[in-house]
Amino acid sequence: MPGDRIRDFLVGAGATDADIEQAEREGWLPVLVLDRLLMPGTPEYDFPALAAAGGTDPPTLRRLWRALGFPDVPDGLALFSAGDAEAVRRLLGRAEGDLWNDPLARETPERQARVVSAALARLAAYEAEQLATALEDLRTAGIDDETAALALLDRFEWDELSWLIDYAHRLQLRAAAWRRLTRPSVGNTIEIAVGFVDLSGYTELAEALDDAQLSELLDHFESVAFDTVAEHGGRVVKTIGDEIMFVGAPDAVADIALCLLDRAHAIEALPSIRQGLAFGSVLSRDGDYFGPVVNLASRITDRARPGTILVSEPFHDLLESSEQGGHEFRPLSRRRIRGIGEVALFALRPARPPARPAS
């Protein structure tokens, strides 16, 4: 059995003797400690009882639970605590909130839960990977699980992490508000430039690398892309395997694409990249963007050769008529794009310096 300190903590945080014995027997005592650090409280409600304690009915609660991204819980299992009931009451209460106090107040509780949970899922996966790596390192060094659990108990700083999440959220909301509220829009439709960048020959490359090497490659690629997009005032919307979607003002998106091309070329570890850019009206929803313009940017990325940037005709026309300058385009023959039809495309190139006058 684990020492008195770990046992006292676990029992006080709602774990049963059977939980503790099983965790020690099966080798996941540190995981149980983390579980109780994150979600303390004695389980006392099954799903119907949780709905009643939260002031709702089981079908509504089931929709909320699924919106958070979790499968249905069978009735009769007491898995939820008073803290869970309070969370249900607060989430349902948000539906009656004031928009100026709560930017999500106009949405249904299900959509609120879905948006917030989806945004945090990737962060949680990253944190879990880091914790798993730390635990593996301790075990490799000969540290037993009880000592690892004590280290977790002493060093896990949830308040510090919560502060970072809150601070980053405030920064992101401030930036998103400026982007969204100062850009021409009709309802949820806005005009914006959309870019996609991916690694050429990724499928063959993934087959040639082991898991660690592939992870390192993708981390390197994401680091370059995120830094470059942020540096030029754009925003990374999402990553899809080896593809990254970003948005911003047209001139900024063009600069991002050109800079990405230079930086990827200068890094020997990265294969060539290819990019597609488009401009027009898109539907903004849940922090993502949808519509024909997004589809076009993605599809023309597939048609681009390694080391090139292809742009749509509206993107080209807008930058050609702007006063920003600094970009050159080469017209290409019309291309047939799957699911879209024939479109005019242009290759984006950095502007050449003006020729020196003859002496």
Protein backbone atom coordinates (compact mmCIF):
# COMPACT_ATOMS: atom_id res chain seq x y z
CA MET A 1 0.00 0.00 0.00
CA PRO A 2 1.19 3.57 -0.66
CA GLY A 3 2.50 5.73 2.17
CA ASP A 4 0.22 7.59 4.56
CA ARG A 5 0.65 10.95 2.81
CA ILE A 6 -0.48 9.70 -0.60
CA ARG A 7 -3.26 7.61 0.92
CA ASP A 8 -4.56 10.50 3.03
CA PHE A 9 -4.58 12.78 0.00
CA LEU A 10 -6.37 10.26 -2.22
CA VAL A 11 -9.03 9.41 0.35
CA GLY A 12 -9.60 13.10 1.09
CA ALA A 13 -9.96 13.80 -2.64
CA GLY A 14 -12.63 11.11 -3.10
CA ALA A 15 -10.73 7.93 -4.02
CA THR A 16 -11.87 4.65 -2.48
CA ASP A 17 -9.70 1.94 -0.94
CA ALA A 18 -10.49 -0.24 -3.97
CA ASP A 19 -9.33 2.56 -6.32
CA ILE A 20 -6.03 2.90 -4.45
CA GLU A 21 -5.36 -0.84 -4.28
CA GLN A 22 -6.11 -1.30 -7.98
CA ALA A 23 -3.94 1.70 -8.97
CA GLU A 24 -0.98 0.32 -7.04
CA ARG A 25 -1.50 -3.22 -8.29
CA GLU A 26 -1.81 -2.20 -11.97
CA GLY A 27 0.89 0.49 -11.97
CA TRP A 28 -1.09 3.70 -12.37
CA LEU A 29 -0.82 5.25 -8.93
CA PRO A 30 0.62 8.53 -10.34
CA VAL A 31 -2.33 8.71 -12.74
CA LEU A 32 -4.81 8.33 -9.88
CA VAL A 33 -3.04 11.13 -7.99
CA LEU A 34 -3.29 13.36 -11.05
CA ASP A 35 -6.94 12.41 -11.51
CA ARG A 36 -7.75 13.46 -7.94
CA LEU A 37 -5.67 16.64 -8.21
CA LEU A 38 -7.68 17.69 -11.23
CA MET A 39 -11.16 16.52 -10.23
CA PRO A 40 -11.41 16.11 -6.45
CA GLY A 41 -14.69 15.14 -4.82
CA THR A 42 -16.51 12.00 -3.76
CA PRO A 43 -18.51 10.38 -6.58
CA GLU A 44 -22.13 10.30 -5.45
CA TYR A 45 -24.30 10.84 -8.54
CA ASP A 46 -25.06 8.62 -11.49
CA PHE A 47 -26.12 10.32 -14.73
CA PRO A 48 -29.84 10.81 -13.95
CA ALA A 49 -29.01 11.98 -10.40
CA LEU A 50 -26.44 14.43 -11.79
CA ALA A 51 -29.09 15.85 -14.14
CA ALA A 52 -31.46 16.37 -11.21
CA ALA A 53 -28.74 17.94 -9.04
CA GLY A 54 -27.76 20.21 -11.93
CA GLY A 55 -31.33 21.38 -12.49
CA THR A 56 -31.95 19.71 -15.82
CA ASP A 57 -33.16 16.46 -17.38
CA PRO A 58 -31.06 13.48 -18.57
CA PRO A 59 -31.55 14.12 -22.35
CA THR A 60 -30.35 17.72 -22.00
CA LEU A 61 -27.40 16.68 -19.85
CA ARG A 62 -26.54 13.92 -22.33
CA ARG A 63 -26.33 16.50 -25.13
CA LEU A 64 -24.06 18.67 -22.98
CA TRP A 65 -21.85 15.69 -22.12
CA ARG A 66 -21.52 14.70 -25.75
CA ALA A 67 -20.79 18.34 -26.67
CA LEU A 68 -17.84 18.18 -24.27
CA GLY A 69 -16.61 15.27 -26.39
CA PHE A 70 -17.33 12.27 -24.15
CA PRO A 71 -19.36 9.09 -24.74
CA ASP A 72 -22.58 8.28 -22.91
CA VAL A 73 -22.27 7.10 -19.31
CA PRO A 74 -24.48 4.12 -18.30
CA ASP A 75 -27.10 4.84 -15.65
CA GLY A 76 -26.43 3.41 -12.22
CA LEU A 77 -22.71 4.26 -12.06
CA ALA A 78 -21.94 6.87 -9.39
CA LEU A 79 -19.15 8.71 -11.20
CA PHE A 80 -19.99 12.37 -10.56
CA SER A 81 -19.42 14.63 -7.56
CA ALA A 82 -20.98 17.81 -6.19
CA GLY A 83 -18.43 19.75 -8.24
CA ASP A 84 -19.82 18.21 -11.43
CA ALA A 85 -23.36 19.21 -10.42
CA GLU A 86 -22.19 22.78 -9.84
CA ALA A 87 -20.56 22.81 -13.28
CA VAL A 88 -23.86 21.73 -14.89
CA ARG A 89 -25.77 24.48 -13.07
CA ARG A 90 -23.27 27.12 -14.12
CA LEU A 91 -23.16 26.00 -17.71
CA LEU A 92 -26.95 26.05 -18.00
CA GLY A 93 -27.02 29.43 -16.26
CA ARG A 94 -24.76 30.90 -18.96
CA ALA A 95 -27.64 30.64 -21.43
CA GLU A 96 -29.35 33.44 -19.50
CA GLY A 97 -26.24 35.63 -19.40
CA ASP A 98 -25.63 39.11 -20.75
CA LEU A 99 -23.67 39.28 -24.02
CA TRP A 100 -21.45 42.07 -22.71
CA ASN A 101 -20.49 39.99 -19.68
CA ASP A 102 -20.19 36.71 -21.59
CA PRO A 103 -19.28 36.66 -25.30
CA LEU A 104 -20.81 33.17 -25.62
CA ALA A 105 -24.11 34.05 -23.91
CA ARG A 106 -26.11 34.13 -27.16
CA GLU A 107 -25.26 30.53 -27.97
CA THR A 108 -26.89 27.36 -26.65
CA PRO A 109 -25.17 25.62 -23.73
CA GLU A 110 -24.34 22.71 -26.05
CA ARG A 111 -22.51 24.92 -28.51
CA GLN A 112 -20.72 26.76 -25.71
CA ALA A 113 -19.51 23.44 -24.33
CA ARG A 114 -18.48 22.18 -27.77
CA VAL A 115 -16.49 25.31 -28.66
CA VAL A 116 -14.65 25.56 -25.36
CA SER A 117 -13.96 21.83 -25.04
CA ALA A 118 -12.72 21.51 -28.63
CA ALA A 119 -10.35 24.45 -28.12
CA LEU A 120 -8.90 22.90 -24.96
CA ALA A 121 -8.70 19.31 -26.18
CA ARG A 122 -5.45 19.88 -28.05
CA LEU A 123 -3.87 21.62 -25.06
CA ALA A 124 -4.91 18.74 -22.81
CA ALA A 125 -3.44 16.19 -25.23
CA TYR A 126 -0.15 18.09 -25.29
CA GLU A 127 -0.05 18.27 -21.47
CA ALA A 128 -0.76 14.55 -21.19
CA GLU A 129 2.11 13.78 -23.57
CA GLN A 130 4.49 15.84 -21.46
CA LEU A 131 3.38 14.15 -18.25
CA ALA A 132 3.71 10.71 -19.86
CA THR A 133 7.24 11.51 -21.01
CA ALA A 134 8.19 12.74 -17.53
CA LEU A 135 6.80 9.58 -15.92
CA GLU A 136 8.65 7.34 -18.40
CA ASP A 137 11.89 9.19 -17.68
CA LEU A 138 11.44 8.65 -13.93
CA ARG A 139 10.75 4.95 -14.38
CA THR A 140 13.76 4.60 -16.66
CA ALA A 141 15.88 6.21 -13.95
CA GLY A 142 14.66 3.58 -11.48
CA ILE A 143 12.16 5.78 -9.61
CA ASP A 144 9.22 3.77 -8.25
CA ASP A 145 5.60 4.84 -8.79
CA GLU A 146 5.02 5.92 -5.19
CA THR A 147 7.96 8.35 -5.36
CA ALA A 148 6.72 9.59 -8.73
CA ALA A 149 3.25 10.11 -7.26
CA LEU A 150 4.73 12.10 -4.36
CA ALA A 151 6.68 14.26 -6.82
CA LEU A 152 3.47 14.93 -8.73
CA LEU A 153 1.70 15.81 -5.50
CA ASP A 154 4.44 18.29 -4.60
CA ARG A 155 5.13 19.85 -7.99
CA PHE A 156 1.88 19.94 -9.93
CA GLU A 157 1.01 23.64 -10.14
CA TRP A 158 -2.52 23.82 -11.50
CA ASP A 159 -3.00 27.43 -10.37
CA GLU A 160 -0.01 28.52 -12.43
CA LEU A 161 -1.28 26.67 -15.49
CA SER A 162 -4.77 28.14 -15.00
CA TRP A 163 -3.22 31.60 -14.84
CA LEU A 164 -1.38 31.01 -18.12
CA ILE A 165 -4.55 29.73 -19.83
CA ASP A 166 -6.51 32.73 -18.57
CA TYR A 167 -3.82 35.20 -19.65
CA ALA A 168 -3.43 33.65 -23.11
CA HIS A 169 -7.23 33.55 -23.51
CA ARG A 170 -7.49 37.27 -22.71
CA LEU A 171 -4.76 38.09 -25.23
CA GLN A 172 -6.36 35.93 -27.90
CA LEU A 173 -9.83 37.40 -27.30
CA ARG A 174 -8.49 40.94 -27.48
CA ALA A 175 -6.73 40.20 -30.77
CA ALA A 176 -9.73 38.33 -32.18
CA ALA A 177 -12.06 41.19 -31.27
CA TRP A 178 -9.88 43.70 -33.12
CA ARG A 179 -9.67 41.41 -36.15
CA ARG A 180 -13.38 40.62 -36.20
CA LEU A 181 -14.90 43.96 -35.28
CA THR A 182 -12.73 46.12 -37.53
CA ARG A 183 -13.14 44.03 -40.70
CA PRO A 184 -16.05 44.37 -43.14
CA SER A 185 -18.66 41.73 -42.37
CA VAL A 186 -22.27 40.74 -42.92
CA GLY A 187 -23.46 38.61 -40.04
CA ASN A 188 -20.93 35.81 -39.63
CA THR A 189 -19.54 36.33 -43.14
CA ILE A 190 -16.32 38.30 -43.47
CA GLU A 191 -13.81 39.06 -46.20
CA ILE A 192 -10.40 37.62 -45.45
CA ALA A 193 -7.38 36.00 -47.06
CA VAL A 194 -6.91 32.28 -46.45
CA GLY A 195 -3.68 30.33 -46.83
CA PHE A 196 -2.68 26.68 -46.62
CA VAL A 197 0.85 25.33 -46.40
CA ASP A 198 1.91 21.69 -46.39
CA LEU A 199 5.01 19.55 -46.69
CA SER A 200 5.72 18.12 -50.14
CA GLY A 201 6.13 14.35 -50.24
CA TYR A 202 4.91 13.97 -46.66
CA THR A 203 3.40 10.49 -47.14
CA GLU A 204 6.65 9.00 -48.40
CA LEU A 205 8.62 10.88 -45.75
CA ALA A 206 6.41 9.57 -42.95
CA GLU A 207 7.04 6.00 -44.06
CA ALA A 208 10.82 6.54 -43.95
CA LEU A 209 10.93 8.03 -40.42
CA ASP A 210 10.30 6.46 -37.04
CA ASP A 211 7.74 7.99 -34.67
CA ALA A 212 10.25 10.15 -32.81
CA GLN A 213 11.77 11.53 -36.01
CA LEU A 214 8.35 12.26 -37.51
CA SER A 215 7.20 14.01 -34.36
CA GLU A 216 10.36 16.14 -34.34
CA LEU A 217 9.85 17.05 -38.00
CA LEU A 218 6.24 18.12 -37.44
CA ASP A 219 7.21 20.09 -34.33
CA HIS A 220 9.87 21.92 -36.35
CA PHE A 221 7.43 22.64 -39.17
CA GLU A 222 4.74 23.91 -36.79
CA SER A 223 7.23 26.08 -34.91
CA VAL A 224 8.39 27.79 -38.10
CA ALA A 225 4.83 28.23 -39.35
CA PHE A 226 3.37 29.55 -36.08
CA ASP A 227 6.26 31.99 -35.55
CA THR A 228 6.05 33.31 -39.11
CA VAL A 229 2.29 33.71 -39.13
CA ALA A 230 2.31 35.54 -35.79
CA GLU A 231 5.25 37.72 -36.82
CA HIS A 232 3.28 39.08 -39.80
CA GLY A 233 0.01 39.63 -37.96
CA GLY A 234 -1.88 36.57 -39.19
CA ARG A 235 -3.49 33.74 -37.24
CA VAL A 236 -3.06 30.00 -37.46
CA VAL A 237 -6.54 28.51 -37.60
CA LYS A 238 -5.71 24.81 -37.38
CA THR A 239 -3.30 22.06 -38.31
CA ILE A 240 -4.48 19.03 -40.27
CA GLY A 241 -1.71 16.45 -40.31
CA ASP A 242 1.12 18.12 -42.20
CA GLU A 243 -1.10 20.97 -43.44
CA ILE A 244 -1.54 24.31 -41.66
CA MET A 245 -4.32 26.80 -42.37
CA PHE A 246 -3.78 30.49 -41.64
CA VAL A 247 -5.71 33.71 -42.26
CA GLY A 248 -5.13 37.46 -42.24
CA ALA A 249 -5.17 40.58 -44.36
CA PRO A 250 -4.22 39.81 -48.00
CA ASP A 251 -0.87 41.61 -47.94
CA ALA A 252 0.02 39.95 -44.62
CA VAL A 253 -0.92 36.50 -45.91
CA ALA A 254 1.23 37.07 -49.01
CA ASP A 255 4.17 38.11 -46.84
CA ILE A 256 3.64 35.08 -44.60
CA ALA A 257 3.73 32.73 -47.59
CA LEU A 258 6.90 34.28 -49.01
CA CYS A 259 8.64 34.25 -45.64
CA LEU A 260 7.62 30.63 -45.02
CA LEU A 261 9.11 29.70 -48.36
CA ASP A 262 12.44 31.33 -47.48
CA ARG A 263 12.62 29.87 -43.99
CA ALA A 264 11.66 26.35 -45.01
CA HIS A 265 14.26 26.44 -47.80
CA ALA A 266 16.93 27.52 -45.32
CA ILE A 267 16.21 24.63 -42.93
CA GLU A 268 17.85 21.45 -44.18
CA ALA A 269 15.70 19.22 -41.96
CA LEU A 270 12.48 20.37 -43.62
CA PRO A 271 11.33 19.14 -47.02
CA SER A 272 10.02 21.61 -49.59
CA ILE A 273 6.70 23.26 -48.86
CA ARG A 274 3.88 24.30 -51.16
CA GLN A 275 1.17 26.87 -50.55
CA GLY A 276 -2.20 28.05 -51.83
CA LEU A 277 -3.77 31.45 -51.10
CA ALA A 278 -7.26 32.78 -51.80
CA PHE A 279 -9.34 35.81 -50.87
CA GLY A 280 -13.06 36.44 -50.51
CA SER A 281 -16.09 36.05 -48.26
CA VAL A 282 -15.97 33.19 -45.75
CA LEU A 283 -18.23 32.02 -42.97
CA SER A 284 -16.66 32.54 -39.55
CA ARG A 285 -17.86 29.99 -37.01
CA ASP A 286 -16.41 28.64 -33.77
CA GLY A 287 -13.01 30.13 -34.54
CA ASP A 288 -12.82 28.36 -37.90
CA TYR A 289 -13.63 29.48 -41.45
CA PHE A 290 -15.75 27.78 -44.08
CA GLY A 291 -16.91 28.24 -47.64
CA PRO A 292 -15.78 28.07 -51.27
CA VAL A 293 -12.82 30.41 -50.67
CA VAL A 294 -11.40 28.08 -48.02
CA ASN A 295 -11.96 25.07 -50.26
CA LEU A 296 -10.23 26.83 -53.16
CA ALA A 297 -7.16 27.72 -51.07
CA SER A 298 -6.86 24.11 -49.94
CA ARG A 299 -7.35 22.66 -53.40
CA ILE A 300 -4.85 24.93 -55.14
CA THR A 301 -2.30 23.96 -52.50
CA ASP A 302 -2.69 20.40 -53.75
CA ARG A 303 -1.95 21.64 -57.30
CA ALA A 304 1.14 23.64 -56.33
CA ARG A 305 4.58 22.24 -57.08
CA PRO A 306 7.16 21.99 -54.27
CA GLY A 307 8.60 25.40 -53.43
CA THR A 308 5.80 27.41 -55.07
CA ILE A 309 2.90 29.62 -54.00
CA LEU A 310 -0.29 29.63 -56.05
CA VAL A 311 -2.95 32.31 -55.53
CA SER A 312 -6.50 32.79 -56.74
CA GLU A 313 -7.49 35.50 -59.20
CA PRO A 314 -9.32 37.67 -56.58
CA PHE A 315 -6.25 37.49 -54.34
CA HIS A 316 -4.02 38.54 -57.23
CA ASP A 317 -6.35 41.34 -58.35
CA LEU A 318 -6.62 42.80 -54.86
CA LEU A 319 -2.87 42.96 -54.28
CA GLU A 320 -2.17 44.22 -57.79
CA SER A 321 -4.54 47.14 -57.23
CA SER A 322 -3.35 47.93 -53.71
CA GLU A 323 -0.71 50.42 -52.72
CA GLN A 324 1.21 47.90 -50.61
CA GLY A 325 3.46 46.67 -53.41
CA GLY A 326 6.31 44.23 -52.79
CA HIS A 327 4.72 41.31 -54.63
CA GLU A 328 5.04 39.98 -58.14
CA PHE A 329 2.84 37.49 -59.92
CA ARG A 330 3.26 35.23 -62.91
CA PRO A 331 0.01 34.28 -64.69
CA LEU A 332 -0.53 30.59 -65.24
CA SER A 333 -2.79 28.75 -67.61
CA ARG A 334 -6.25 28.05 -66.26
CA ARG A 335 -6.33 24.94 -64.11
CA ARG A 336 -9.15 22.53 -63.38
CA ILE A 337 -9.63 22.24 -59.63
CA ARG A 338 -11.42 19.20 -58.27
CA GLY A 339 -14.93 20.06 -57.14
CA ILE A 340 -14.61 23.68 -58.28
CA GLY A 341 -13.96 23.75 -62.03
CA GLU A 342 -11.54 25.79 -64.12
CA VAL A 343 -9.98 28.76 -62.36
CA ALA A 344 -7.32 31.34 -63.17
CA LEU A 345 -4.24 31.00 -60.99
CA PHE A 346 -1.11 33.05 -60.46
CA ALA A 347 2.29 32.21 -58.98
CA LEU A 348 3.35 34.59 -56.21
CA ARG A 349 7.00 35.68 -56.17
CA PRO A 350 8.94 38.25 -54.14
CA ALA A 351 9.35 41.56 -55.91
CA ARG A 352 12.72 42.00 -57.56
CA PRO A 353 14.76 45.02 -56.52
CA PRO A 354 14.73 47.85 -59.06
CA ALA A 355 17.52 47.67 -61.62
CA ARG A 356 20.38 50.10 -61.12
CA PRO A 357 20.68 52.76 -63.83
CA ALA A 358 23.62 52.28 -66.17
CA SER A 359 26.62 54.36 -65.22
